Amino acid sequence: MKWAPIEGSIWNIGAFWPVYGERGDETLVLWKNGQCTAHPIPVRRVLKDLAAALAVDLTQLRDIYGRETRRKLAVPLALHEKILLVPLRVRKARIAGDEVYGYFCLNCIQGVRIGLDGRTEIAVAHRIVSLEQRLRSVREQLARAYMVQRFHYLRMVTGWLPVTLSGPEEDAWPECLGEERRIYPSGDGPGGSGGSPASSRSSSQAGPSKKTSP
């Protein structure tokens, strides 16, 4: 499946992560309206094609922001002022080489917490996503993402003017999210692979939603 059918809606992507499907590694896309769609291509391909659609070089981005955040792996990526992707671990690898990181749009993240089962949970695009990463590590990664957001703004918008961009309040959590909005990317929760409802895996694409500002 080519990325072209999704390209017109890239501004509506809230997150995407790898899931195990019938054909191997697939990608589950969570849209800003809370809907999910499955795509039979690996996450690395989605990321590369998304970067190509926005005319950015992933290797250069990882090098630039990796130096500024002192990270070599899981570097937050500012593809555009409206699309800053935060890599977070969503599953354990079954075999060596399996992708374990999902990418979450910083502007769609509503909060993080420890769930009743002891797992770290993130509220994103009106859904609850369980992670395979410690809460402290997630918070550190979000702090790096806001650092990258600031560097991107300085470099691409002002070129030099200092600016302070604040993140969400620590331990903030939207009260409107119930259990029916929960997703298990690791595949071991209700709903099977990816933890998404059966209706989410339809071949139809999520329609464009209203454009939001970062």
C-alpha atoms as a PDB file:
ATOM      1  CA  MET A   1       0.000   0.000   0.000  1.00  0.00           C
ATOM      2  CA  LYS A   2       1.467   3.337  -1.030  1.00  0.00           C
ATOM      3  CA  TRP A   3       1.614   6.388   1.191  1.00  0.00           C
ATOM      4  CA  ALA A   4      -0.078   8.561  -1.441  1.00  0.00           C
ATOM      5  CA  PRO A   5      -3.681   8.035  -0.187  1.00  0.00           C
ATOM      6  CA  ILE A   6      -2.662   9.345   3.255  1.00  0.00           C
ATOM      7  CA  GLU A   7      -0.512  12.217   2.047  1.00  0.00           C
ATOM      8  CA  GLY A   8      -3.404  14.674   1.786  1.00  0.00           C
ATOM      9  CA  SER A   9      -4.205  14.106   5.451  1.00  0.00           C
ATOM     10  CA  ILE A  10      -0.741  14.214   7.000  1.00  0.00           C
ATOM     11  CA  TRP A  11      -1.732  17.294   8.992  1.00  0.00           C
ATOM     12  CA  ASN A  12      -4.383  15.195  10.753  1.00  0.00           C
ATOM     13  CA  ILE A  13      -2.026  12.490  12.064  1.00  0.00           C
ATOM     14  CA  GLY A  14      -1.918  12.287  15.857  1.00  0.00           C
ATOM     15  CA  ALA A  15       0.408   9.277  16.197  1.00  0.00           C
ATOM     16  CA  PHE A  16       1.473   6.057  14.495  1.00  0.00           C
ATOM     17  CA  TRP A  17       3.143   2.900  15.748  1.00  0.00           C
ATOM     18  CA  PRO A  18       4.089  -0.627  14.660  1.00  0.00           C
ATOM     19  CA  VAL A  19       1.719  -3.574  15.114  1.00  0.00           C
ATOM     20  CA  TYR A  20       2.024  -7.233  14.194  1.00  0.00           C
ATOM     21  CA  GLY A  21      -0.376  -8.037  11.359  1.00  0.00           C
ATOM     22  CA  GLU A  22      -1.060 -10.979   9.062  1.00  0.00           C
ATOM     23  CA  ARG A  23       1.591  -9.741   6.615  1.00  0.00           C
ATOM     24  CA  GLY A  24       4.154  -8.961   9.301  1.00  0.00           C
ATOM     25  CA  ASP A  25       4.888  -5.485  10.603  1.00  0.00           C
ATOM     26  CA  GLU A  26       2.128  -3.009   9.861  1.00  0.00           C
ATOM     27  CA  THR A  27       1.458   0.543  10.987  1.00  0.00           C
ATOM     28  CA  LEU A  28      -1.539   1.739  12.957  1.00  0.00           C
ATOM     29  CA  VAL A  29      -2.279   5.429  12.427  1.00  0.00           C
ATOM     30  CA  LEU A  30      -4.159   7.348  15.114  1.00  0.00           C
ATOM     31  CA  TRP A  31      -5.786  10.443  13.656  1.00  0.00           C
ATOM     32  CA  LYS A  32      -6.461  13.667  15.523  1.00  0.00           C
ATOM     33  CA  ASN A  33     -10.181  12.860  15.597  1.00  0.00           C
ATOM     34  CA  GLY A  34      -9.480   9.671  17.596  1.00  0.00           C
ATOM     35  CA  GLN A  35     -10.030   7.208  14.732  1.00  0.00           C
ATOM     36  CA  CYS A  36      -7.481   4.512  13.855  1.00  0.00           C
ATOM     37  CA  THR A  37      -6.616   2.985  10.493  1.00  0.00           C
ATOM     38  CA  ALA A  38      -4.190   0.147   9.736  1.00  0.00           C
ATOM     39  CA  HIS A  39      -1.718   0.294   6.840  1.00  0.00           C
ATOM     40  CA  PRO A  40       0.327  -2.692   5.573  1.00  0.00           C
ATOM     41  CA  ILE A  41       3.661  -0.865   5.555  1.00  0.00           C
ATOM     42  CA  PRO A  42       6.299  -0.663   8.325  1.00  0.00           C
ATOM     43  CA  VAL A  43       6.696   2.400  10.531  1.00  0.00           C
ATOM     44  CA  ARG A  44      10.114   3.267   9.107  1.00  0.00           C
ATOM     45  CA  ARG A  45       8.549   3.510   5.637  1.00  0.00           C
ATOM     46  CA  VAL A  46       5.748   5.730   6.932  1.00  0.00           C
ATOM     47  CA  LEU A  47       8.293   7.990   8.616  1.00  0.00           C
ATOM     48  CA  LYS A  48      10.483   8.224   5.506  1.00  0.00           C
ATOM     49  CA  ASP A  49       7.554   8.959   3.215  1.00  0.00           C
ATOM     50  CA  LEU A  50       6.165  11.534   5.623  1.00  0.00           C
ATOM     51  CA  ALA A  51       9.553  13.281   5.697  1.00  0.00           C
ATOM     52  CA  ALA A  52       9.731  13.143   1.885  1.00  0.00           C
ATOM     53  CA  ALA A  53       6.265  14.706   1.600  1.00  0.00           C
ATOM     54  CA  LEU A  54       7.492  17.581   3.793  1.00  0.00           C
ATOM     55  CA  ALA A  55      10.834  17.835   1.965  1.00  0.00           C
ATOM     56  CA  VAL A  56      13.031  17.189   5.010  1.00  0.00           C
ATOM     57  CA  ASP A  57      16.034  14.900   5.480  1.00  0.00           C
ATOM     58  CA  LEU A  58      15.661  12.476   8.397  1.00  0.00           C
ATOM     59  CA  THR A  59      19.393  11.805   8.643  1.00  0.00           C
ATOM     60  CA  GLN A  60      20.174  15.505   8.991  1.00  0.00           C
ATOM     61  CA  LEU A  61      17.364  16.026  11.486  1.00  0.00           C
ATOM     62  CA  ARG A  62      18.595  13.177  13.679  1.00  0.00           C
ATOM     63  CA  ASP A  63      22.124  14.548  13.514  1.00  0.00           C
ATOM     64  CA  ILE A  64      21.159  18.144  14.329  1.00  0.00           C
ATOM     65  CA  TYR A  65      18.670  17.462  17.107  1.00  0.00           C
ATOM     66  CA  GLY A  66      20.659  14.498  18.374  1.00  0.00           C
ATOM     67  CA  ARG A  67      23.577  16.802  19.124  1.00  0.00           C
ATOM     68  CA  GLU A  68      21.363  19.372  20.809  1.00  0.00           C
ATOM     69  CA  THR A  69      19.583  16.802  22.985  1.00  0.00           C
ATOM     70  CA  ARG A  70      22.671  14.593  23.425  1.00  0.00           C
ATOM     71  CA  ARG A  71      20.832  11.585  22.051  1.00  0.00           C
ATOM     72  CA  LYS A  72      21.808   9.048  19.401  1.00  0.00           C
ATOM     73  CA  LEU A  73      18.615   6.974  19.478  1.00  0.00           C
ATOM     74  CA  ALA A  74      14.929   7.914  19.676  1.00  0.00           C
ATOM     75  CA  VAL A  75      15.591  11.555  18.796  1.00  0.00           C
ATOM     76  CA  PRO A  76      12.470  13.787  18.660  1.00  0.00           C
ATOM     77  CA  LEU A  77      11.980  14.958  15.077  1.00  0.00           C
ATOM     78  CA  ALA A  78      10.685  18.371  14.062  1.00  0.00           C
ATOM     79  CA  LEU A  79       9.498  17.663  10.518  1.00  0.00           C
ATOM     80  CA  HIS A  80       7.493  20.901  10.423  1.00  0.00           C
ATOM     81  CA  GLU A  81       6.430  23.570  12.884  1.00  0.00           C
ATOM     82  CA  LYS A  82       3.098  21.711  13.141  1.00  0.00           C
ATOM     83  CA  ILE A  83       4.508  18.172  13.152  1.00  0.00           C
ATOM     84  CA  LEU A  84       7.021  17.321  15.875  1.00  0.00           C
ATOM     85  CA  LEU A  85       7.205  13.565  16.401  1.00  0.00           C
ATOM     86  CA  VAL A  86       8.144  12.099  19.789  1.00  0.00           C
ATOM     87  CA  PRO A  87       9.462   8.493  19.655  1.00  0.00           C
ATOM     88  CA  LEU A  88       8.117   6.390  22.542  1.00  0.00           C
ATOM     89  CA  ARG A  89       8.446   2.643  23.130  1.00  0.00           C
ATOM     90  CA  VAL A  90       5.098   0.947  22.523  1.00  0.00           C
ATOM     91  CA  ARG A  91       5.921  -2.781  22.469  1.00  0.00           C
ATOM     92  CA  LYS A  92       8.553  -5.417  23.088  1.00  0.00           C
ATOM     93  CA  ALA A  93      10.308  -6.957  20.100  1.00  0.00           C
ATOM     94  CA  ARG A  94       9.411 -10.564  19.291  1.00  0.00           C
ATOM     95  CA  ILE A  95      12.604 -11.006  17.290  1.00  0.00           C
ATOM     96  CA  ALA A  96      15.740  -8.921  16.877  1.00  0.00           C
ATOM     97  CA  GLY A  97      15.216  -6.014  14.511  1.00  0.00           C
ATOM     98  CA  ASP A  98      11.497  -5.537  15.179  1.00  0.00           C
ATOM     99  CA  GLU A  99      10.463  -1.920  15.482  1.00  0.00           C
ATOM    100  CA  VAL A 100       9.418  -1.027  19.026  1.00  0.00           C
ATOM    101  CA  TYR A 101       8.963   2.744  18.830  1.00  0.00           C
ATOM    102  CA  GLY A 102       5.844   4.646  17.875  1.00  0.00           C
ATOM    103  CA  TYR A 103       5.796   8.331  16.934  1.00  0.00           C
ATOM    104  CA  PHE A 104       3.479  10.753  18.727  1.00  0.00           C
ATOM    105  CA  CYS A 105       2.720  14.276  17.521  1.00  0.00           C
ATOM    106  CA  LEU A 106       3.728  16.595  20.374  1.00  0.00           C
ATOM    107  CA  ASN A 107       0.790  18.940  19.819  1.00  0.00           C
ATOM    108  CA  CYS A 108      -1.658  16.037  20.292  1.00  0.00           C
ATOM    109  CA  ILE A 109      -0.248  14.783  23.612  1.00  0.00           C
ATOM    110  CA  GLN A 110      -2.656  15.623  26.438  1.00  0.00           C
ATOM    111  CA  GLY A 111      -0.968  13.994  29.434  1.00  0.00           C
ATOM    112  CA  VAL A 112       0.929  11.026  30.868  1.00  0.00           C
ATOM    113  CA  ARG A 113       0.377   8.907  33.983  1.00  0.00           C
ATOM    114  CA  ILE A 114       0.742   5.476  35.554  1.00  0.00           C
ATOM    115  CA  GLY A 115      -2.320   3.314  34.907  1.00  0.00           C
ATOM    116  CA  LEU A 116      -4.003   0.882  37.269  1.00  0.00           C
ATOM    117  CA  ASP A 117      -2.021  -1.993  35.741  1.00  0.00           C
ATOM    118  CA  GLY A 118       1.255  -0.241  36.510  1.00  0.00           C
ATOM    119  CA  ARG A 119       1.963   0.679  32.890  1.00  0.00           C
ATOM    120  CA  THR A 120       2.735   4.154  31.673  1.00  0.00           C
ATOM    121  CA  GLU A 121      -0.191   5.633  29.777  1.00  0.00           C
ATOM    122  CA  ILE A 122      -0.264   8.578  27.425  1.00  0.00           C
ATOM    123  CA  ALA A 123      -3.353  10.529  26.421  1.00  0.00           C
ATOM    124  CA  VAL A 124      -3.074  11.486  22.766  1.00  0.00           C
ATOM    125  CA  ALA A 125      -5.686  12.526  20.198  1.00  0.00           C
ATOM    126  CA  HIS A 126      -8.556  11.654  22.578  1.00  0.00           C
ATOM    127  CA  ARG A 127      -7.297   8.100  23.170  1.00  0.00           C
ATOM    128  CA  ILE A 128      -5.342   6.338  25.936  1.00  0.00           C
ATOM    129  CA  VAL A 129      -2.260   4.484  24.700  1.00  0.00           C
ATOM    130  CA  SER A 130      -0.336   2.071  26.926  1.00  0.00           C
ATOM    131  CA  LEU A 131       3.444   2.281  26.604  1.00  0.00           C
ATOM    132  CA  GLU A 132       6.347  -0.082  27.304  1.00  0.00           C
ATOM    133  CA  GLN A 133       8.400   2.699  28.855  1.00  0.00           C
ATOM    134  CA  ARG A 134       8.796   4.039  32.377  1.00  0.00           C
ATOM    135  CA  LEU A 135       6.971   7.229  33.300  1.00  0.00           C
ATOM    136  CA  ARG A 136      10.188   9.023  34.201  1.00  0.00           C
ATOM    137  CA  SER A 137      11.720   8.105  30.844  1.00  0.00           C
ATOM    138  CA  VAL A 138       8.621   9.344  29.008  1.00  0.00           C
ATOM    139  CA  ARG A 139       8.742  12.667  30.832  1.00  0.00           C
ATOM    140  CA  GLU A 140      12.422  13.042  29.979  1.00  0.00           C
ATOM    141  CA  GLN A 141      11.637  12.334  26.334  1.00  0.00           C
ATOM    142  CA  LEU A 142       8.857  14.935  26.339  1.00  0.00           C
ATOM    143  CA  ALA A 143      11.281  17.460  27.832  1.00  0.00           C
ATOM    144  CA  ARG A 144      13.672  16.739  24.953  1.00  0.00           C
ATOM    145  CA  ALA A 145      10.814  17.192  22.496  1.00  0.00           C
ATOM    146  CA  TYR A 146      10.040  20.657  23.866  1.00  0.00           C
ATOM    147  CA  MET A 147      13.743  21.453  23.614  1.00  0.00           C
ATOM    148  CA  VAL A 148      13.694  20.403  19.953  1.00  0.00           C
ATOM    149  CA  GLN A 149      10.553  22.491  19.417  1.00  0.00           C
ATOM    150  CA  ARG A 150      12.372  25.526  20.783  1.00  0.00           C
ATOM    151  CA  PHE A 151      15.463  24.884  18.643  1.00  0.00           C
ATOM    152  CA  HIS A 152      13.303  24.423  15.545  1.00  0.00           C
ATOM    153  CA  TYR A 153      11.534  27.705  16.221  1.00  0.00           C
ATOM    154  CA  LEU A 154      14.826  29.541  16.731  1.00  0.00           C
ATOM    155  CA  ARG A 155      16.357  28.076  13.579  1.00  0.00           C
ATOM    156  CA  MET A 156      13.448  28.113  11.153  1.00  0.00           C
ATOM    157  CA  VAL A 157      11.258  31.020  12.271  1.00  0.00           C
ATOM    158  CA  THR A 158      13.340  33.696  13.989  1.00  0.00           C
ATOM    159  CA  GLY A 159      16.865  32.500  13.300  1.00  0.00           C
ATOM    160  CA  TRP A 160      18.136  33.948  16.564  1.00  0.00           C
ATOM    161  CA  LEU A 161      15.394  35.330  18.858  1.00  0.00           C
ATOM    162  CA  PRO A 162      15.199  33.417  22.199  1.00  0.00           C
ATOM    163  CA  VAL A 163      11.781  32.089  23.112  1.00  0.00           C
ATOM    164  CA  THR A 164      10.422  29.934  25.913  1.00  0.00           C
ATOM    165  CA  LEU A 165       7.850  27.298  24.984  1.00  0.00           C
ATOM    166  CA  SER A 166       6.115  25.713  27.956  1.00  0.00           C
ATOM    167  CA  GLY A 167       4.825  22.147  28.026  1.00  0.00           C
ATOM    168  CA  PRO A 168       1.689  20.715  29.673  1.00  0.00           C
ATOM    169  CA  GLU A 169       1.374  20.761  33.435  1.00  0.00           C
ATOM    170  CA  GLU A 170       3.081  17.780  35.061  1.00  0.00           C
ATOM    171  CA  ASP A 171       0.670  14.971  35.862  1.00  0.00           C
ATOM    172  CA  ALA A 172      -2.089  16.694  33.876  1.00  0.00           C
ATOM    173  CA  TRP A 173      -4.699  14.251  32.585  1.00  0.00           C
ATOM    174  CA  PRO A 174      -7.932  14.832  30.623  1.00  0.00           C
ATOM    175  CA  GLU A 175     -10.931  13.753  32.702  1.00  0.00           C
ATOM    176  CA  CYS A 176     -13.073  12.885  29.665  1.00  0.00           C
ATOM    177  CA  LEU A 177     -11.093   9.747  28.708  1.00  0.00           C
ATOM    178  CA  GLY A 178     -12.714   6.475  29.789  1.00  0.00           C
ATOM    179  CA  GLU A 179     -11.731   2.830  29.387  1.00  0.00           C
ATOM    180  CA  GLU A 180     -13.427   2.636  25.986  1.00  0.00           C
ATOM    181  CA  ARG A 181     -10.733   4.985  24.653  1.00  0.00           C
ATOM    182  CA  ARG A 182      -7.827   2.721  25.681  1.00  0.00           C
ATOM    183  CA  ILE A 183      -5.358   1.243  23.150  1.00  0.00           C
ATOM    184  CA  TYR A 184      -2.759  -1.494  23.751  1.00  0.00           C
ATOM    185  CA  PRO A 185      -0.066  -1.179  21.033  1.00  0.00           C
ATOM    186  CA  SER A 186       1.786  -4.182  22.492  1.00  0.00           C
ATOM    187  CA  GLY A 187      -1.116  -6.382  21.376  1.00  0.00           C
ATOM    188  CA  ASP A 188      -1.664  -8.128  24.711  1.00  0.00           C
ATOM    189  CA  GLY A 189      -4.748  -6.173  25.712  1.00  0.00           C
ATOM    190  CA  PRO A 190      -8.425  -6.423  24.670  1.00  0.00           C
ATOM    191  CA  GLY A 191      -8.926  -6.035  20.931  1.00  0.00           C
ATOM    192  CA  GLY A 192      -5.972  -8.057  19.697  1.00  0.00           C
ATOM    193  CA  SER A 193      -3.128  -6.698  17.612  1.00  0.00           C
ATOM    194  CA  GLY A 194      -2.652  -3.011  18.204  1.00  0.00           C
ATOM    195  CA  GLY A 195      -5.529  -3.004  20.679  1.00  0.00           C
ATOM    196  CA  SER A 196      -7.739  -1.163  18.195  1.00  0.00           C
ATOM    197  CA  PRO A 197     -11.409  -1.959  17.524  1.00  0.00           C
ATOM    198  CA  ALA A 198     -12.166  -4.103  14.504  1.00  0.00           C
ATOM    199  CA  SER A 199     -13.848  -1.141  12.835  1.00  0.00           C
ATOM    200  CA  SER A 200     -10.568   0.767  13.032  1.00  0.00           C
ATOM    201  CA  ARG A 201      -8.844  -1.631  10.655  1.00  0.00           C
ATOM    202  CA  SER A 202     -11.065  -0.839   7.685  1.00  0.00           C
ATOM    203  CA  SER A 203      -9.410   0.115   4.456  1.00  0.00           C
ATOM    204  CA  SER A 204     -11.121   3.494   4.373  1.00  0.00           C
ATOM    205  CA  GLN A 205      -9.014   6.479   5.371  1.00  0.00           C
ATOM    206  CA  ALA A 206      -9.914   8.912   8.085  1.00  0.00           C
ATOM    207  CA  GLY A 207     -11.320  12.093   6.611  1.00  0.00           C
ATOM    208  CA  PRO A 208      -9.597  15.441   7.029  1.00  0.00           C
ATOM    209  CA  SER A 209     -10.422  17.220  10.225  1.00  0.00           C
ATOM    210  CA  LYS A 210     -10.211  20.912  11.004  1.00  0.00           C
ATOM    211  CA  LYS A 211      -6.647  22.166  10.874  1.00  0.00           C
ATOM    212  CA  THR A 212      -5.266  22.894  14.310  1.00  0.00           C
ATOM    213  CA  SER A 213      -2.456  25.180  15.345  1.00  0.00           C
ATOM    214  CA  PRO A 214       0.514  23.943  17.364  1.00  0.00           C
END
